Amino acid sequence: AAVWGAAGGGATIQSCMITTTGSPVLVTTTANVFPNPNNGTNLESAINILRDSTQLMNQDIYCPGTTGHPIYLPMTTSYVDSGLAAGTYTYYTKLAGITGTIKAQYRSMWVMEVKR
């Protein structure tokens, strides 16, 4: 099912929990995103990665407006979270419309602890 991110807020499109030994954690998220409504207006939005309630990364997305032809944007974002203590953490990917709403489909997220 699709998830909508509204202007001024953020919708969680994926989450994943991991228990670590304190090594860095690689977080990767993918989705197809597209603006709505398809009415010719430009749209700004953002993809955010959070650890629990701490924002780790903010990736802005700009979609030029079209009329009659939706723009689908495949998106992949990764972040290495280092300096963690051993413990259990939940990572979230959030989608927020800045100047309108945006939709995410076919999304996935994975987290893994990386060691040398």
N, C-alpha and C. Protein backbone atom coordinates (compact mmCIF):
# COMPACT_ATOMS: atom_id res chain seq x y z
N ALA A 1 0.84 -1.19 0.00
CA ALA A 1 0.00 0.00 0.00
C ALA A 1 0.88 1.24 0.00
N ALA A 2 0.36 2.28 -0.56
CA ALA A 2 1.09 3.55 -0.62
C ALA A 2 1.01 4.27 0.71
N VAL A 3 2.00 5.10 0.99
CA VAL A 3 2.01 5.95 2.17
C VAL A 3 2.15 7.39 1.70
N TRP A 4 1.33 8.29 2.27
CA TRP A 4 1.36 9.69 1.90
C TRP A 4 2.08 10.50 2.96
N GLY A 5 2.96 11.42 2.51
CA GLY A 5 3.60 12.38 3.40
C GLY A 5 2.98 13.74 3.14
N ALA A 6 2.37 14.32 4.16
CA ALA A 6 1.67 15.59 3.99
C ALA A 6 2.59 16.76 4.30
N ALA A 7 2.22 17.92 3.79
CA ALA A 7 2.97 19.14 4.06
C ALA A 7 2.96 19.41 5.56
N GLY A 8 4.13 19.79 6.08
CA GLY A 8 4.24 20.15 7.48
C GLY A 8 4.39 18.98 8.42
N GLY A 9 4.37 17.77 7.93
CA GLY A 9 4.48 16.61 8.81
C GLY A 9 5.35 15.55 8.18
N GLY A 10 5.42 14.42 8.81
CA GLY A 10 6.21 13.32 8.29
C GLY A 10 5.52 12.01 8.54
N ALA A 11 5.38 11.21 7.50
CA ALA A 11 4.77 9.89 7.62
C ALA A 11 5.88 8.84 7.65
N THR A 12 5.81 7.93 8.58
CA THR A 12 6.78 6.84 8.63
C THR A 12 6.46 5.88 7.50
N ILE A 13 7.45 5.67 6.60
CA ILE A 13 7.22 4.74 5.49
C ILE A 13 7.89 3.40 5.74
N GLN A 14 8.86 3.34 6.64
CA GLN A 14 9.50 2.08 7.01
C GLN A 14 10.11 2.24 8.40
N SER A 15 10.26 1.13 9.10
CA SER A 15 10.99 1.12 10.37
C SER A 15 11.63 -0.25 10.54
N CYS A 16 12.71 -0.27 11.30
CA CYS A 16 13.43 -1.52 11.52
C CYS A 16 14.20 -1.42 12.84
N MET A 17 14.16 -2.48 13.63
CA MET A 17 14.85 -2.52 14.92
C MET A 17 16.08 -3.40 14.81
N ILE A 18 17.16 -3.00 15.50
CA ILE A 18 18.39 -3.79 15.51
C ILE A 18 19.02 -3.73 16.90
N THR A 19 19.61 -4.84 17.32
CA THR A 19 20.40 -4.89 18.55
C THR A 19 21.86 -4.98 18.13
N THR A 20 22.68 -4.05 18.61
CA THR A 20 24.07 -3.95 18.18
C THR A 20 25.04 -4.22 19.32
N THR A 21 26.29 -4.47 18.93
CA THR A 21 27.37 -4.59 19.91
C THR A 21 28.12 -3.27 20.07
N GLY A 22 27.68 -2.23 19.36
CA GLY A 22 28.31 -0.93 19.45
C GLY A 22 29.07 -0.53 18.20
N SER A 23 29.11 -1.41 17.20
CA SER A 23 29.76 -1.08 15.93
C SER A 23 28.83 -0.20 15.10
N PRO A 24 29.38 0.47 14.05
CA PRO A 24 28.52 1.31 13.20
C PRO A 24 27.39 0.51 12.56
N VAL A 25 26.29 1.20 12.25
CA VAL A 25 25.12 0.59 11.63
C VAL A 25 24.89 1.26 10.28
N LEU A 26 24.79 0.43 9.23
CA LEU A 26 24.47 0.92 7.90
C LEU A 26 22.96 0.84 7.71
N VAL A 27 22.35 1.97 7.38
CA VAL A 27 20.91 2.06 7.16
C VAL A 27 20.69 2.40 5.69
N THR A 28 19.94 1.59 4.97
CA THR A 28 19.63 1.84 3.56
C THR A 28 18.13 1.74 3.38
N THR A 29 17.58 2.70 2.64
CA THR A 29 16.15 2.72 2.39
C THR A 29 15.90 3.01 0.91
N THR A 30 14.89 2.38 0.35
CA THR A 30 14.52 2.60 -1.04
C THR A 30 13.02 2.80 -1.13
N ALA A 31 12.59 3.53 -2.16
CA ALA A 31 11.16 3.72 -2.42
C ALA A 31 11.00 4.36 -3.78
N ASN A 32 9.83 4.19 -4.36
CA ASN A 32 9.41 5.00 -5.50
C ASN A 32 8.54 6.10 -4.93
N VAL A 33 8.89 7.35 -5.20
CA VAL A 33 8.11 8.47 -4.69
C VAL A 33 7.59 9.29 -5.86
N PHE A 34 6.42 9.88 -5.66
CA PHE A 34 5.90 10.78 -6.69
C PHE A 34 4.93 11.78 -6.07
N PRO A 35 4.88 12.99 -6.66
CA PRO A 35 4.02 14.04 -6.11
C PRO A 35 2.56 13.81 -6.45
N ASN A 36 1.71 14.37 -5.62
CA ASN A 36 0.28 14.35 -5.86
C ASN A 36 -0.32 15.61 -5.22
N PRO A 37 -1.28 16.28 -5.77
CA PRO A 37 -1.89 15.91 -7.03
C PRO A 37 -1.01 16.31 -8.21
N ASN A 38 -1.28 15.69 -9.31
CA ASN A 38 -0.53 15.92 -10.55
C ASN A 38 -1.17 17.10 -11.28
N ASN A 39 -0.94 18.32 -10.75
CA ASN A 39 -1.67 19.47 -11.26
C ASN A 39 -0.77 20.56 -11.83
N GLY A 40 0.46 20.25 -12.12
CA GLY A 40 1.35 21.23 -12.74
C GLY A 40 2.12 22.09 -11.76
N THR A 41 1.95 21.88 -10.46
CA THR A 41 2.70 22.67 -9.48
C THR A 41 3.97 21.96 -9.08
N ASN A 42 4.98 22.73 -8.72
CA ASN A 42 6.23 22.15 -8.23
C ASN A 42 6.03 21.65 -6.80
N LEU A 43 6.80 20.65 -6.44
CA LEU A 43 6.66 20.05 -5.12
C LEU A 43 8.03 19.86 -4.50
N GLU A 44 8.16 20.26 -3.26
CA GLU A 44 9.36 19.98 -2.49
C GLU A 44 8.98 19.02 -1.37
N SER A 45 9.85 18.06 -1.11
CA SER A 45 9.60 17.12 -0.04
C SER A 45 10.94 16.68 0.52
N ALA A 46 10.89 15.83 1.53
CA ALA A 46 12.12 15.38 2.18
C ALA A 46 11.98 13.94 2.65
N ILE A 47 13.07 13.22 2.53
CA ILE A 47 13.20 11.88 3.11
C ILE A 47 14.11 12.03 4.33
N ASN A 48 13.67 11.52 5.47
CA ASN A 48 14.44 11.62 6.69
C ASN A 48 14.73 10.23 7.24
N ILE A 49 15.95 10.04 7.76
CA ILE A 49 16.29 8.82 8.48
C ILE A 49 16.50 9.21 9.94
N LEU A 50 15.84 8.48 10.83
CA LEU A 50 15.95 8.74 12.26
C LEU A 50 16.38 7.49 13.00
N ARG A 51 17.12 7.67 14.09
CA ARG A 51 17.38 6.61 15.06
C ARG A 51 16.57 6.97 16.29
N ASP A 52 15.61 6.14 16.62
CA ASP A 52 14.65 6.46 17.67
C ASP A 52 14.05 7.84 17.34
N SER A 53 14.25 8.87 18.14
CA SER A 53 13.68 10.18 17.82
C SER A 53 14.72 11.17 17.31
N THR A 54 15.96 10.71 17.09
CA THR A 54 17.05 11.59 16.63
C THR A 54 17.15 11.56 15.11
N GLN A 55 17.00 12.73 14.47
CA GLN A 55 17.15 12.80 13.02
C GLN A 55 18.62 12.67 12.66
N LEU A 56 18.93 11.73 11.77
CA LEU A 56 20.30 11.49 11.33
C LEU A 56 20.58 12.10 9.97
N MET A 57 19.58 12.10 9.10
CA MET A 57 19.78 12.56 7.73
C MET A 57 18.50 13.14 7.17
N ASN A 58 18.65 14.19 6.36
CA ASN A 58 17.52 14.81 5.68
C ASN A 58 17.91 14.98 4.22
N GLN A 59 17.17 14.33 3.32
CA GLN A 59 17.43 14.41 1.88
C GLN A 59 16.27 15.12 1.22
N ASP A 60 16.52 16.33 0.70
CA ASP A 60 15.45 17.06 0.01
C ASP A 60 15.21 16.48 -1.37
N ILE A 61 13.96 16.51 -1.80
CA ILE A 61 13.55 16.05 -3.12
C ILE A 61 12.76 17.17 -3.77
N TYR A 62 13.09 17.50 -5.01
CA TYR A 62 12.36 18.52 -5.75
C TYR A 62 11.75 17.88 -6.98
N CYS A 63 10.45 18.04 -7.15
CA CYS A 63 9.73 17.48 -8.29
C CYS A 63 9.15 18.61 -9.11
N PRO A 64 9.61 18.80 -10.34
CA PRO A 64 8.98 19.83 -11.18
C PRO A 64 7.55 19.41 -11.51
N GLY A 65 6.66 20.37 -11.56
CA GLY A 65 5.25 20.09 -11.81
C GLY A 65 4.99 19.66 -13.24
N THR A 66 4.07 18.74 -13.39
CA THR A 66 3.64 18.30 -14.72
C THR A 66 2.12 18.24 -14.70
N THR A 67 1.52 18.22 -15.84
CA THR A 67 0.09 18.05 -15.95
C THR A 67 -0.18 16.85 -16.85
N GLY A 68 -0.85 15.86 -16.31
CA GLY A 68 -1.24 14.70 -17.10
C GLY A 68 -0.21 13.58 -17.13
N HIS A 69 0.99 13.82 -16.62
CA HIS A 69 2.03 12.80 -16.62
C HIS A 69 2.71 12.77 -15.25
N PRO A 70 2.41 11.77 -14.44
CA PRO A 70 3.04 11.72 -13.12
C PRO A 70 4.53 11.45 -13.25
N ILE A 71 5.29 11.97 -12.30
CA ILE A 71 6.73 11.76 -12.26
C ILE A 71 7.01 10.76 -11.14
N TYR A 72 7.56 9.63 -11.47
CA TYR A 72 7.96 8.64 -10.48
C TYR A 72 9.46 8.76 -10.26
N LEU A 73 9.86 8.89 -9.02
CA LEU A 73 11.27 9.07 -8.69
C LEU A 73 11.75 7.88 -7.87
N PRO A 74 12.55 6.99 -8.47
CA PRO A 74 13.14 5.93 -7.65
C PRO A 74 14.20 6.56 -6.74
N MET A 75 14.20 6.21 -5.48
CA MET A 75 15.06 6.83 -4.49
C MET A 75 15.74 5.77 -3.65
N THR A 76 17.04 5.93 -3.46
CA THR A 76 17.80 5.09 -2.54
C THR A 76 18.68 6.00 -1.70
N THR A 77 18.66 5.81 -0.40
CA THR A 77 19.43 6.63 0.52
C THR A 77 20.10 5.71 1.53
N SER A 78 21.37 6.00 1.83
CA SER A 78 22.09 5.23 2.85
C SER A 78 22.74 6.18 3.85
N TYR A 79 22.91 5.68 5.06
CA TYR A 79 23.55 6.46 6.12
C TYR A 79 24.29 5.49 7.03
N VAL A 80 25.52 5.85 7.44
CA VAL A 80 26.28 5.04 8.40
C VAL A 80 26.20 5.75 9.75
N ASP A 81 25.60 5.09 10.72
CA ASP A 81 25.43 5.64 12.07
C ASP A 81 26.54 5.07 12.94
N SER A 82 27.46 5.93 13.35
CA SER A 82 28.61 5.45 14.14
C SER A 82 28.60 6.10 15.52
N GLY A 83 29.46 5.60 16.39
CA GLY A 83 29.55 6.14 17.74
C GLY A 83 28.45 5.66 18.67
N LEU A 84 27.85 4.54 18.33
CA LEU A 84 26.75 4.00 19.13
C LEU A 84 27.27 3.15 20.28
N ALA A 85 26.56 3.17 21.38
CA ALA A 85 26.81 2.21 22.46
C ALA A 85 26.08 0.92 22.10
N ALA A 86 26.51 -0.18 22.68
CA ALA A 86 25.79 -1.44 22.48
C ALA A 86 24.36 -1.26 22.98
N GLY A 87 23.41 -1.79 22.22
CA GLY A 87 22.01 -1.64 22.63
C GLY A 87 21.06 -1.93 21.49
N THR A 88 19.79 -1.68 21.74
CA THR A 88 18.74 -1.89 20.75
C THR A 88 18.23 -0.53 20.28
N TYR A 89 18.16 -0.38 18.97
CA TYR A 89 17.75 0.88 18.36
C TYR A 89 16.69 0.60 17.30
N THR A 90 15.81 1.58 17.09
CA THR A 90 14.84 1.51 16.00
C THR A 90 15.14 2.64 15.04
N TYR A 91 15.25 2.29 13.76
CA TYR A 91 15.49 3.26 12.70
C TYR A 91 14.20 3.45 11.92
N TYR A 92 13.98 4.70 11.50
CA TYR A 92 12.77 5.06 10.77
C TYR A 92 13.13 5.81 9.50
N THR A 93 12.38 5.58 8.44
CA THR A 93 12.41 6.42 7.25
C THR A 93 11.09 7.16 7.22
N LYS A 94 11.19 8.49 7.14
CA LYS A 94 9.98 9.32 7.10
C LYS A 94 9.97 10.13 5.81
N LEU A 95 8.78 10.34 5.30
CA LEU A 95 8.57 11.11 4.08
C LEU A 95 7.69 12.30 4.44
N ALA A 96 8.14 13.50 4.09
CA ALA A 96 7.39 14.70 4.42
C ALA A 96 7.26 15.58 3.19
N GLY A 97 6.06 16.02 2.89
CA GLY A 97 5.86 17.03 1.87
C GLY A 97 6.17 18.39 2.48
N ILE A 98 6.91 19.22 1.77
CA ILE A 98 7.21 20.57 2.25
C ILE A 98 6.22 21.55 1.64
N THR A 99 5.94 21.42 0.35
CA THR A 99 5.00 22.33 -0.31
C THR A 99 3.78 21.59 -0.86
N GLY A 100 3.54 20.40 -0.43
CA GLY A 100 2.39 19.62 -0.89
C GLY A 100 2.48 18.21 -0.34
N THR A 101 1.78 17.29 -0.96
CA THR A 101 1.83 15.90 -0.52
C THR A 101 2.66 15.09 -1.51
N ILE A 102 3.22 14.01 -1.01
CA ILE A 102 4.02 13.11 -1.84
C ILE A 102 3.70 11.68 -1.41
N LYS A 103 3.78 10.77 -2.34
CA LYS A 103 3.40 9.38 -2.12
C LYS A 103 4.63 8.48 -2.26
N ALA A 104 4.71 7.44 -1.43
CA ALA A 104 5.79 6.46 -1.52
C ALA A 104 5.19 5.07 -1.71
N GLN A 105 5.73 4.33 -2.67
CA GLN A 105 5.33 2.95 -2.91
C GLN A 105 6.58 2.09 -3.07
N TYR A 106 6.38 0.78 -3.01
CA TYR A 106 7.45 -0.19 -3.24
C TYR A 106 8.68 0.16 -2.40
N ARG A 107 8.47 0.30 -1.13
CA ARG A 107 9.54 0.75 -0.25
C ARG A 107 10.15 -0.41 0.50
N SER A 108 11.42 -0.24 0.85
CA SER A 108 12.13 -1.24 1.65
C SER A 108 13.17 -0.53 2.50
N MET A 109 13.60 -1.19 3.54
CA MET A 109 14.62 -0.64 4.43
C MET A 109 15.37 -1.80 5.04
N TRP A 110 16.67 -1.64 5.13
CA TRP A 110 17.44 -2.64 5.85
C TRP A 110 18.52 -1.95 6.65
N VAL A 111 18.84 -2.57 7.79
CA VAL A 111 19.89 -2.07 8.68
C VAL A 111 20.80 -3.24 9.00
N MET A 112 22.09 -2.94 9.08
CA MET A 112 23.02 -4.00 9.46
C MET A 112 24.21 -3.37 10.19
N GLU A 113 24.68 -4.07 11.18
CA GLU A 113 25.87 -3.65 11.91
C GLU A 113 27.07 -4.04 11.08
N VAL A 114 28.00 -3.11 10.93
CA VAL A 114 29.19 -3.38 10.12
C VAL A 114 30.43 -3.37 11.01
N LYS A 115 31.26 -4.39 10.84
CA LYS A 115 32.45 -4.52 11.66
C LYS A 115 33.66 -4.65 10.75
N ARG A 116 34.80 -4.32 11.28
CA ARG A 116 36.05 -4.45 10.52
C ARG A 116 36.65 -5.81 10.73
